[in-house]
Amino acid sequence: MSICNPSTLETILLTVVPVFTEPSFSNFSVLVYGWILAGRRGTVSRAIRAAGKLAPRHFSTYYRFFSRAKWDGDTLGLALLPLILRFAPEGAVVLIVDDTLTRKSGKNIWGANMHHDPLQWLSNATSFGHNWVVLAIMIRVPLIERPVAVPLFFRLYRSKAKRKGKNAKGRTEKKNIGAASAKEYRTRPQLAMEMLEITRNAIEAGRETHVLGDSAYGGKSISKELPDGMHLTSRMCMTAALYKKAPLRKKGQKGRSRVKGDRLPSPKKMAQSRSKWKRAEVNIYGKVVPVLYKQIQALWYNSAGVRLLNIVVVRDPKGKRKDDCFFSTDLTLSAVGILELYAVRWSLEVAFRDIKQFLGMENPQGRTKDAVCRTVPFICAIYAIVIAWFCEQGHHLYKKTPFGIDSWYTHKKAPSFEDILRTLRFELLRECFFSTLVVSQGKQKRIAPPMALLKLVS
């Protein structure tokens, strides 16, 4: 199969060759190029149409790539991991854990259920769809000052099935295909821990890893199970029970040793106490923000066991935000370091928005188990491939394309993911245009590029 493409993108695709069989890799390549050209309306059918003559097989072949082909999302993530780590900052590898909702519609979609929707106006609003627990790696991208999160590993969270019984009319209720049985059910932190173990085993020995997650991923399911060389930074509830470190065992003391010391004030009481606040300026979310803080090292025994934690209680000097508390298992971090590191977690939310808005993460309507479990990892793999291409080659081409800095937007500091995607599409079009030359009666004659490219690159 001949595909006109920038050489760097072709090299990146070759890194995942061991994941697929030869026919499946051919289908994978077609779908990647088609999906990039299809853009925000990304679906399998639109990717096939965008690929045009580059997709020579019957359309059902590309649908079966998700439902029947032999490949696995974890294996694909492991193949992309060394490539993405090349752009990670030196030192500890920063891993970000969070979950996101992909809304769906229709009957008999495997694994779909009602989940909390944070984007709805009501606090208890729910939407029908899939809830994905995602593990991403933080990297630095040329021309972009903020950190960028690249999702690589995924687990579908399935709510626990209710006990099967009879309704008021005496009829047996139908089984919910979106729920998991008691044996299959796993919490979101348990799913996150599975991915952390996979990632930790794949990263070179001796290199530290630092996990970032909100309060849902800061409990005992993760904090107590962290392997050596892995740290966690998360949010702590203001009413957490804190304790001093256990005192040393006295000589001749009978009974078992103490596992925790005396009780300390909770973060809420620390904030209410008359002890003096310290002032600092923190660079978070692209702004320098003044904060007041109190820092302490203590045990959060109910969550982290006997592991000593670095705890920071924060207050907004202007009083616009409520007092908050954060912790880290890395005792060497300063209060400013903990706050700035936790703020990096937001980069995964930005990645979710970009993937949904510009790659159509919520658009595919696969119904079978394999199709559901493979579609999201495939789309996020495209996101990783596009970012890797921009890191290696695209940042040199960004300002040279028609989609660089516009005359009316000169104060724009960095390219967005949409700009990156447009730059890649323009290069695909340019390579395809200049590679389609034929010689006719001693003269060079250009063949028009596929009309799909002209329509989709905009």
Protein backbone atom coordinates (compact mmCIF):
# COMPACT_ATOMS: atom_id res chain seq x y z
CA MET A 1 0.00 0.00 0.00
CA SER A 2 1.37 3.42 -0.91
CA ILE A 3 0.60 6.33 1.36
CA CYS A 4 1.98 9.80 0.73
CA ASN A 5 3.08 11.14 4.10
CA PRO A 6 5.78 13.06 5.94
CA SER A 7 8.65 10.70 6.63
CA THR A 8 8.63 11.40 10.37
CA LEU A 9 5.01 10.33 10.73
CA GLU A 10 5.78 7.11 8.86
CA THR A 11 8.70 6.45 11.22
CA ILE A 12 6.45 6.98 14.24
CA LEU A 13 3.92 4.51 12.88
CA LEU A 14 6.64 1.91 12.45
CA THR A 15 7.20 1.91 16.24
CA VAL A 16 3.89 0.07 16.73
CA VAL A 17 4.47 -2.60 14.07
CA PRO A 18 5.03 -5.40 16.66
CA VAL A 19 1.54 -4.76 18.08
CA PHE A 20 -0.29 -5.91 14.93
CA THR A 21 -0.25 -8.57 12.31
CA GLU A 22 0.71 -7.40 8.82
CA PRO A 23 -2.90 -6.98 7.57
CA SER A 24 -3.95 -5.29 10.82
CA PHE A 25 -1.06 -2.83 10.65
CA SER A 26 -2.08 -1.92 7.11
CA ASN A 27 -5.63 -1.26 8.33
CA PHE A 28 -4.28 0.65 11.33
CA SER A 29 -2.24 2.95 9.07
CA VAL A 30 -5.21 3.67 6.81
CA LEU A 31 -7.44 4.48 9.77
CA VAL A 32 -4.80 6.73 11.39
CA TYR A 33 -4.38 8.82 8.23
CA GLY A 34 -8.10 8.86 7.58
CA TRP A 35 -8.90 9.84 11.17
CA ILE A 36 -6.37 12.70 11.11
CA LEU A 37 -7.93 14.04 7.92
CA ALA A 38 -11.49 13.50 9.16
CA GLY A 39 -10.90 15.65 12.22
CA ARG A 40 -13.56 16.46 14.77
CA ARG A 41 -16.17 14.30 13.06
CA GLY A 42 -13.99 11.27 13.56
CA THR A 43 -15.78 7.99 12.92
CA VAL A 44 -14.73 4.85 11.09
CA SER A 45 -16.91 5.64 8.08
CA ARG A 46 -15.64 9.21 7.81
CA ALA A 47 -12.03 8.03 8.19
CA ILE A 48 -12.53 5.62 5.28
CA ARG A 49 -14.03 8.39 3.14
CA ALA A 50 -11.18 10.76 4.03
CA ALA A 51 -8.58 8.14 3.11
CA GLY A 52 -10.20 7.70 -0.31
CA LYS A 53 -8.22 5.42 -2.59
CA LEU A 54 -5.69 4.85 0.18
CA ALA A 55 -8.29 2.49 1.72
CA PRO A 56 -8.48 -0.22 -0.97
CA ARG A 57 -10.34 -2.86 1.05
CA HIS A 58 -14.03 -3.31 1.70
CA PHE A 59 -15.34 -0.93 4.37
CA SER A 60 -16.30 -3.83 6.67
CA THR A 61 -12.59 -4.71 6.99
CA TYR A 62 -11.93 -1.47 8.85
CA TYR A 63 -14.90 -1.99 11.18
CA ARG A 64 -13.63 -5.48 11.96
CA PHE A 65 -10.27 -3.92 12.93
CA PHE A 66 -11.94 -2.91 16.19
CA SER A 67 -14.28 -5.84 16.74
CA ARG A 68 -12.25 -8.87 15.58
CA ALA A 69 -8.59 -8.07 14.87
CA LYS A 70 -5.93 -9.41 17.26
CA TRP A 71 -4.47 -6.44 19.11
CA ASP A 72 -4.63 -5.01 22.61
CA GLY A 73 -4.84 -1.48 24.00
CA ASP A 74 -2.21 -2.08 26.69
CA THR A 75 0.25 -3.44 24.13
CA LEU A 76 -0.33 -0.40 21.93
CA GLY A 77 0.30 1.89 24.91
CA LEU A 78 3.50 0.04 25.82
CA ALA A 79 4.73 0.37 22.23
CA LEU A 80 4.16 4.15 22.30
CA LEU A 81 5.61 4.59 25.81
CA PRO A 82 9.34 4.77 24.84
CA LEU A 83 8.49 7.25 22.09
CA ILE A 84 6.58 9.55 24.45
CA LEU A 85 9.21 9.28 27.21
CA ARG A 86 11.72 10.86 24.83
CA PHE A 87 9.90 14.16 25.30
CA ALA A 88 9.40 13.88 29.08
CA PRO A 89 11.46 16.24 31.27
CA GLU A 90 14.56 14.90 32.95
CA GLY A 91 14.17 13.47 36.41
CA ALA A 92 11.03 11.81 37.71
CA VAL A 93 8.40 10.71 35.20
CA VAL A 94 5.11 12.47 35.98
CA LEU A 95 2.04 10.23 35.61
CA ILE A 96 -1.48 11.67 35.76
CA VAL A 97 -4.56 9.61 36.65
CA ASP A 98 -8.13 10.72 36.10
CA ASP A 99 -11.41 9.53 34.61
CA THR A 100 -13.62 10.96 31.88
CA LEU A 101 -17.09 10.32 30.51
CA THR A 102 -17.73 9.58 26.83
CA ARG A 103 -21.44 10.09 26.24
CA LYS A 104 -23.26 7.53 24.11
CA SER A 105 -26.75 7.00 22.74
CA GLY A 106 -28.50 3.87 21.58
CA LYS A 107 -29.42 0.47 22.89
CA ASN A 108 -27.21 -2.52 23.63
CA ILE A 109 -23.89 -0.66 23.78
CA TRP A 110 -21.64 -2.90 25.84
CA GLY A 111 -20.40 -1.40 29.09
CA ALA A 112 -22.48 1.79 28.85
CA ASN A 113 -24.37 2.95 31.93
CA MET A 114 -25.49 6.05 33.77
CA HIS A 115 -22.53 7.95 35.27
CA HIS A 116 -22.05 11.27 36.99
CA ASP A 117 -21.62 14.06 34.45
CA PRO A 118 -19.55 16.97 35.84
CA LEU A 119 -20.42 19.21 32.88
CA GLN A 120 -24.13 19.27 33.67
CA TRP A 121 -25.56 22.19 35.60
CA LEU A 122 -27.02 20.05 38.37
CA SER A 123 -24.59 18.65 40.93
CA ASN A 124 -26.17 15.18 40.82
CA ALA A 125 -26.73 15.06 37.04
CA THR A 126 -25.91 11.87 35.16
CA SER A 127 -25.42 10.94 31.51
CA PHE A 128 -25.46 7.65 29.63
CA GLY A 129 -22.10 6.50 28.36
CA HIS A 130 -18.72 5.00 29.20
CA ASN A 131 -16.58 6.05 32.13
CA TRP A 132 -12.87 5.64 31.34
CA VAL A 133 -10.06 5.65 33.89
CA VAL A 134 -7.02 7.06 32.07
CA LEU A 135 -3.29 7.13 32.79
CA ALA A 136 -1.27 9.80 30.98
CA ILE A 137 2.36 10.92 30.88
CA MET A 138 3.37 14.56 31.17
CA ILE A 139 5.75 15.83 28.49
CA ARG A 140 7.10 19.12 27.19
CA VAL A 141 6.20 20.13 23.63
CA PRO A 142 8.23 22.69 21.64
CA LEU A 143 6.62 26.15 21.33
CA ILE A 144 4.18 25.29 24.17
CA GLU A 145 5.11 26.51 27.64
CA ARG A 146 2.46 24.59 29.55
CA PRO A 147 2.88 20.86 30.26
CA VAL A 148 1.06 18.47 27.91
CA ALA A 149 -0.49 15.16 29.02
CA VAL A 150 -0.49 12.20 26.62
CA PRO A 151 -2.97 9.41 27.57
CA LEU A 152 -1.55 5.93 26.99
CA PHE A 153 -3.40 3.41 29.19
CA PHE A 154 -7.14 2.94 29.71
CA ARG A 155 -9.60 0.97 31.80
CA LEU A 156 -13.38 0.98 31.39
CA TYR A 157 -15.12 1.43 34.72
CA ARG A 158 -18.32 -0.58 35.06
CA SER A 159 -20.67 0.09 37.96
CA LYS A 160 -21.64 -2.81 40.18
CA ALA A 161 -24.68 -4.78 39.03
CA LYS A 162 -27.68 -4.70 41.29
CA ARG A 163 -29.03 -7.96 42.55
CA LYS A 164 -31.32 -9.55 39.99
CA GLY A 165 -34.91 -9.80 41.14
CA LYS A 166 -38.54 -9.34 40.20
CA ASN A 167 -40.36 -6.08 39.74
CA ALA A 168 -43.76 -5.08 41.08
CA LYS A 169 -45.52 -7.06 38.35
CA GLY A 170 -43.65 -10.25 39.22
CA ARG A 171 -41.50 -10.17 36.07
CA THR A 172 -37.78 -10.74 36.16
CA GLU A 173 -35.87 -7.56 35.37
CA LYS A 174 -33.50 -7.58 32.40
CA LYS A 175 -29.80 -7.74 33.06
CA ASN A 176 -27.94 -4.45 32.63
CA ILE A 177 -25.15 -5.04 30.09
CA GLY A 178 -23.33 -1.96 31.34
CA ALA A 179 -22.89 -3.23 34.89
CA ALA A 180 -20.34 -5.70 36.23
CA SER A 181 -21.01 -8.66 38.48
CA ALA A 182 -19.67 -8.75 42.04
CA LYS A 183 -16.67 -10.84 40.90
CA GLU A 184 -15.86 -8.55 37.95
CA TYR A 185 -16.38 -5.25 39.74
CA ARG A 186 -13.35 -3.07 40.46
CA THR A 187 -13.25 0.47 41.75
CA ARG A 188 -11.67 3.31 39.80
CA PRO A 189 -8.59 3.45 42.10
CA GLN A 190 -8.11 -0.31 41.64
CA LEU A 191 -8.21 0.12 37.87
CA ALA A 192 -5.74 3.01 38.16
CA MET A 193 -3.40 0.85 40.25
CA GLU A 194 -3.38 -1.82 37.52
CA MET A 195 -2.19 0.74 34.98
CA LEU A 196 0.39 2.18 37.38
CA GLU A 197 1.93 -1.26 37.84
CA ILE A 198 2.09 -1.80 34.07
CA THR A 199 3.72 1.59 33.55
CA ARG A 200 6.14 1.17 36.43
CA ASN A 201 7.36 -2.18 35.09
CA ALA A 202 7.87 -0.66 31.63
CA ILE A 203 9.88 2.37 32.77
CA GLU A 204 13.62 1.84 33.11
CA ALA A 205 14.75 0.67 36.52
CA GLY A 206 16.04 3.34 38.86
CA ARG A 207 13.96 6.18 37.42
CA GLU A 208 11.47 7.68 39.85
CA THR A 209 7.82 8.19 38.96
CA HIS A 210 5.43 10.71 40.46
CA VAL A 211 1.67 10.14 40.30
CA LEU A 212 -0.83 13.01 40.28
CA GLY A 213 -4.53 12.53 40.94
CA ASP A 214 -7.47 14.25 42.55
CA SER A 215 -8.98 13.18 45.88
CA ALA A 216 -10.68 10.16 44.24
CA TYR A 217 -7.22 8.70 43.55
CA GLY A 218 -5.54 9.74 46.81
CA GLY A 219 -7.08 7.13 49.09
CA LYS A 220 -5.76 3.91 50.55
CA SER A 221 -6.32 1.90 47.36
CA ILE A 222 -3.37 3.75 45.82
CA SER A 223 -1.43 5.46 48.63
CA LYS A 224 -0.96 2.20 50.56
CA GLU A 225 -0.05 0.17 47.47
CA LEU A 226 2.56 2.45 45.90
CA PRO A 227 5.73 0.54 44.95
CA ASP A 228 9.22 1.73 45.84
CA GLY A 229 10.41 4.70 43.83
CA MET A 230 6.88 5.98 43.15
CA HIS A 231 5.42 9.07 44.85
CA LEU A 232 1.86 10.38 44.98
CA THR A 233 0.57 13.97 45.12
CA SER A 234 -3.14 14.46 45.66
CA ARG A 235 -5.82 16.40 47.53
CA MET A 236 -6.71 15.69 51.17
CA CYS A 237 -10.09 16.24 52.82
CA MET A 238 -10.12 19.03 55.40
CA THR A 239 -11.41 16.72 58.13
CA ALA A 240 -8.67 14.08 57.75
CA ALA A 241 -7.44 12.48 60.98
CA LEU A 242 -3.72 13.25 61.29
CA TYR A 243 -1.22 11.74 63.71
CA LYS A 244 2.38 12.19 64.72
CA LYS A 245 4.96 9.60 63.73
CA ALA A 246 5.02 6.60 66.07
CA PRO A 247 7.48 7.06 68.96
CA LEU A 248 10.49 4.78 69.28
CA ARG A 249 9.97 1.62 71.30
CA LYS A 250 11.26 1.94 74.85
CA LYS A 251 13.68 -0.58 76.22
CA GLY A 252 11.86 -3.31 78.10
CA GLN A 253 8.46 -2.20 76.80
CA LYS A 254 5.92 -5.00 76.59
CA GLY A 255 3.33 -5.52 73.87
CA ARG A 256 3.46 -4.54 70.23
CA SER A 257 4.99 -1.28 69.05
CA ARG A 258 2.78 1.68 68.30
CA VAL A 259 2.02 2.33 64.64
CA LYS A 260 1.06 6.00 65.09
CA GLY A 261 1.73 8.78 67.55
CA ASP A 262 -0.51 11.34 69.21
CA ARG A 263 -3.44 12.92 67.38
CA LEU A 264 -2.78 16.18 65.54
CA PRO A 265 -5.27 18.88 64.51
CA SER A 266 -7.10 18.19 61.25
CA PRO A 267 -6.39 20.46 58.25
CA LYS A 268 -9.61 22.33 59.04
CA LYS A 269 -8.50 23.03 62.60
CA MET A 270 -5.04 23.97 61.37
CA ALA A 271 -6.63 26.59 59.14
CA GLN A 272 -8.75 27.90 62.02
CA SER A 273 -5.87 28.05 64.51
CA ARG A 274 -4.04 31.27 65.33
CA SER A 275 -0.70 29.99 64.12
CA LYS A 276 0.92 32.29 61.59
CA TRP A 277 0.34 31.75 57.89
CA LYS A 278 3.27 31.85 55.49
CA ARG A 279 2.98 33.77 52.22
CA ALA A 280 4.23 32.59 48.81
CA GLU A 281 3.65 33.08 45.10
CA VAL A 282 2.76 29.99 43.09
CA ASN A 283 2.92 29.58 39.31
CA ILE A 284 -0.20 27.54 38.49
CA TYR A 285 -2.39 27.34 35.40
CA GLY A 286 -0.21 29.88 33.60
CA LYS A 287 -0.53 32.57 36.27
CA VAL A 288 1.45 33.66 39.31
CA VAL A 289 -0.97 33.47 42.24
CA PRO A 290 -0.33 34.64 45.86
CA VAL A 291 -1.27 32.07 48.53
CA LEU A 292 -1.11 31.62 52.27
CA TYR A 293 -0.05 28.21 53.55
CA LYS A 294 0.80 26.06 56.55
CA GLN A 295 2.98 22.98 56.12
CA ILE A 296 3.37 19.91 58.31
CA GLN A 297 4.62 16.33 58.08
CA ALA A 298 2.24 13.81 59.61
CA LEU A 299 0.56 10.42 59.21
CA TRP A 300 -2.83 10.04 57.56
CA TYR A 301 -3.21 6.59 58.99
CA ASN A 302 -6.67 5.77 57.63
CA SER A 303 -5.49 6.37 54.08
CA ALA A 304 -1.70 6.08 53.77
CA GLY A 305 -0.96 3.91 56.79
CA VAL A 306 2.40 4.48 58.46
CA ARG A 307 3.84 6.40 55.49
CA LEU A 308 4.79 9.96 56.48
CA LEU A 309 3.15 12.62 54.32
CA ASN A 310 4.10 16.16 53.35
CA ILE A 311 0.89 18.16 53.96
CA VAL A 312 0.07 21.74 52.90
CA VAL A 313 -3.02 23.70 53.97
CA VAL A 314 -3.74 26.57 51.56
CA ARG A 315 -5.77 29.78 51.91
CA ASP A 316 -6.66 32.39 49.33
CA PRO A 317 -5.53 35.83 50.61
CA LYS A 318 -8.51 37.44 48.84
CA GLY A 319 -10.98 35.01 50.43
CA LYS A 320 -12.59 34.07 47.11
CA ARG A 321 -11.83 30.36 47.44
CA LYS A 322 -12.34 27.94 50.28
CA ASP A 323 -9.39 26.64 52.27
CA ASP A 324 -7.92 23.51 50.76
CA CYS A 325 -5.38 20.83 51.61
CA PHE A 326 -2.89 18.85 49.51
CA PHE A 327 -0.35 16.17 50.33
CA SER A 328 2.61 14.40 48.80
CA THR A 329 4.57 11.31 49.74
CA ASP A 330 7.73 13.10 48.59
CA LEU A 331 9.06 14.69 51.79
CA THR A 332 11.68 16.74 49.90
CA LEU A 333 9.11 18.96 48.15
CA SER A 334 8.42 22.46 49.39
CA ALA A 335 4.89 23.80 49.79
CA VAL A 336 5.21 25.73 46.52
CA GLY A 337 6.54 22.60 44.81
CA ILE A 338 3.53 20.53 45.92
CA LEU A 339 1.02 23.12 44.70
CA GLU A 340 2.73 23.65 41.35
CA LEU A 341 3.10 19.91 40.81
CA TYR A 342 -0.56 19.22 41.60
CA ALA A 343 -1.62 21.93 39.14
CA VAL A 344 0.03 19.90 36.34
CA ARG A 345 -2.89 17.47 36.73
CA TRP A 346 -5.09 19.90 34.78
CA SER A 347 -3.16 19.16 31.58
CA LEU A 348 -5.03 15.84 31.34
CA GLU A 349 -8.36 17.70 31.36
CA VAL A 350 -7.06 19.78 28.45
CA ALA A 351 -6.11 16.58 26.61
CA PHE A 352 -9.63 15.17 27.17
CA ARG A 353 -11.13 18.32 25.67
CA ASP A 354 -8.82 18.27 22.64
CA ILE A 355 -9.38 14.58 21.91
CA LYS A 356 -13.16 14.87 22.20
CA GLN A 357 -13.41 18.12 20.27
CA PHE A 358 -10.89 17.57 17.47
CA LEU A 359 -10.61 13.77 17.14
CA GLY A 360 -14.22 12.80 17.88
CA MET A 361 -13.59 10.61 20.92
CA GLU A 362 -17.33 10.39 21.67
CA ASN A 363 -18.52 9.86 18.09
CA PRO A 364 -17.97 6.12 17.42
CA GLN A 365 -20.92 3.93 18.42
CA GLY A 366 -19.33 0.49 18.71
CA ARG A 367 -21.59 -2.04 20.41
CA THR A 368 -19.53 -5.16 21.03
CA LYS A 369 -17.08 -5.56 23.91
CA ASP A 370 -13.92 -5.57 21.79
CA ALA A 371 -15.04 -2.61 19.71
CA VAL A 372 -15.85 -0.58 22.83
CA CYS A 373 -12.60 -1.45 24.63
CA ARG A 374 -10.39 -0.66 21.61
CA THR A 375 -11.88 2.50 20.10
CA VAL A 376 -10.85 4.96 22.81
CA PRO A 377 -7.26 3.61 23.07
CA PHE A 378 -7.01 3.84 19.26
CA ILE A 379 -8.19 7.48 19.14
CA CYS A 380 -5.88 8.46 21.99
CA ALA A 381 -3.01 6.67 20.22
CA ILE A 382 -3.65 9.01 17.27
CA TYR A 383 -3.39 11.94 19.67
CA ALA A 384 -0.04 10.59 20.94
CA ILE A 385 1.21 10.09 17.36
CA VAL A 386 0.24 13.64 16.33
CA ILE A 387 1.94 15.15 19.41
CA ALA A 388 5.08 13.05 18.83
CA TRP A 389 5.18 14.16 15.17
CA PHE A 390 4.96 17.81 16.24
CA CYS A 391 7.75 17.34 18.78
CA GLU A 392 10.07 15.81 16.21
CA GLN A 393 9.26 17.70 13.04
CA GLY A 394 6.04 19.70 13.14
CA HIS A 395 7.29 22.56 15.34
CA HIS A 396 9.76 23.47 12.56
CA LEU A 397 6.92 23.63 10.04
CA TYR A 398 4.27 25.35 12.14
CA LYS A 399 5.12 28.97 11.29
CA LYS A 400 5.77 28.10 7.63
CA THR A 401 2.24 26.84 6.97
CA PRO A 402 -0.83 29.01 6.27
CA PHE A 403 -2.09 27.97 9.70
CA GLY A 404 0.73 29.62 11.64
CA ILE A 405 0.42 32.93 13.48
CA ASP A 406 -2.24 35.09 11.83
CA SER A 407 -1.77 38.81 11.25
CA TRP A 408 -4.81 39.57 13.42
CA TYR A 409 -3.69 37.26 16.25
CA THR A 410 -0.06 38.29 16.78
CA HIS A 411 -0.31 38.07 20.59
CA LYS A 412 -0.91 34.32 20.41
CA LYS A 413 1.91 32.71 22.37
CA ALA A 414 1.64 29.00 21.54
CA PRO A 415 -0.10 26.68 19.06
CA SER A 416 -3.21 24.85 20.16
CA PHE A 417 -3.85 21.20 19.36
CA GLU A 418 -6.09 22.34 16.50
CA ASP A 419 -3.13 24.27 15.06
CA ILE A 420 -0.93 21.18 15.41
CA LEU A 421 -3.54 19.04 13.65
CA ARG A 422 -3.95 21.55 10.83
CA THR A 423 -0.20 21.73 10.35
CA LEU A 424 -0.05 17.95 9.97
CA ARG A 425 -2.97 17.94 7.54
CA PHE A 426 -1.31 20.62 5.45
CA GLU A 427 1.88 18.55 5.30
CA LEU A 428 -0.10 15.48 4.29
CA LEU A 429 -1.70 17.47 1.49
CA ARG A 430 1.59 19.00 0.37
CA GLU A 431 3.41 15.66 0.31
CA CYS A 432 0.55 14.04 -1.52
CA PHE A 433 0.36 16.86 -4.07
CA PHE A 434 4.07 16.93 -4.95
CA SER A 435 4.41 13.16 -4.97
CA THR A 436 1.66 12.70 -7.58
CA LEU A 437 3.73 13.53 -10.66
CA VAL A 438 3.66 11.54 -13.87
CA VAL A 439 5.57 11.94 -17.11
CA SER A 440 3.41 12.26 -20.21
CA GLN A 441 5.08 12.69 -23.61
CA GLY A 442 8.24 14.12 -22.07
CA LYS A 443 6.41 16.61 -19.85
CA GLN A 444 5.71 16.50 -16.18
CA LYS A 445 2.06 16.54 -15.33
CA ARG A 446 0.54 16.93 -11.89
CA ILE A 447 -2.30 14.71 -10.84
CA ALA A 448 -4.82 16.46 -8.65
CA PRO A 449 -4.66 15.29 -5.03
CA PRO A 450 -7.65 13.48 -3.60
CA MET A 451 -10.63 15.79 -3.31
CA ALA A 452 -11.19 14.54 0.22
CA LEU A 453 -7.92 16.20 1.28
CA LEU A 454 -8.93 19.54 -0.23
CA LYS A 455 -12.29 19.44 1.50
CA LEU A 456 -11.02 18.33 4.90
CA VAL A 457 -7.89 20.48 5.29
CA SER A 458 -9.28 23.78 6.49
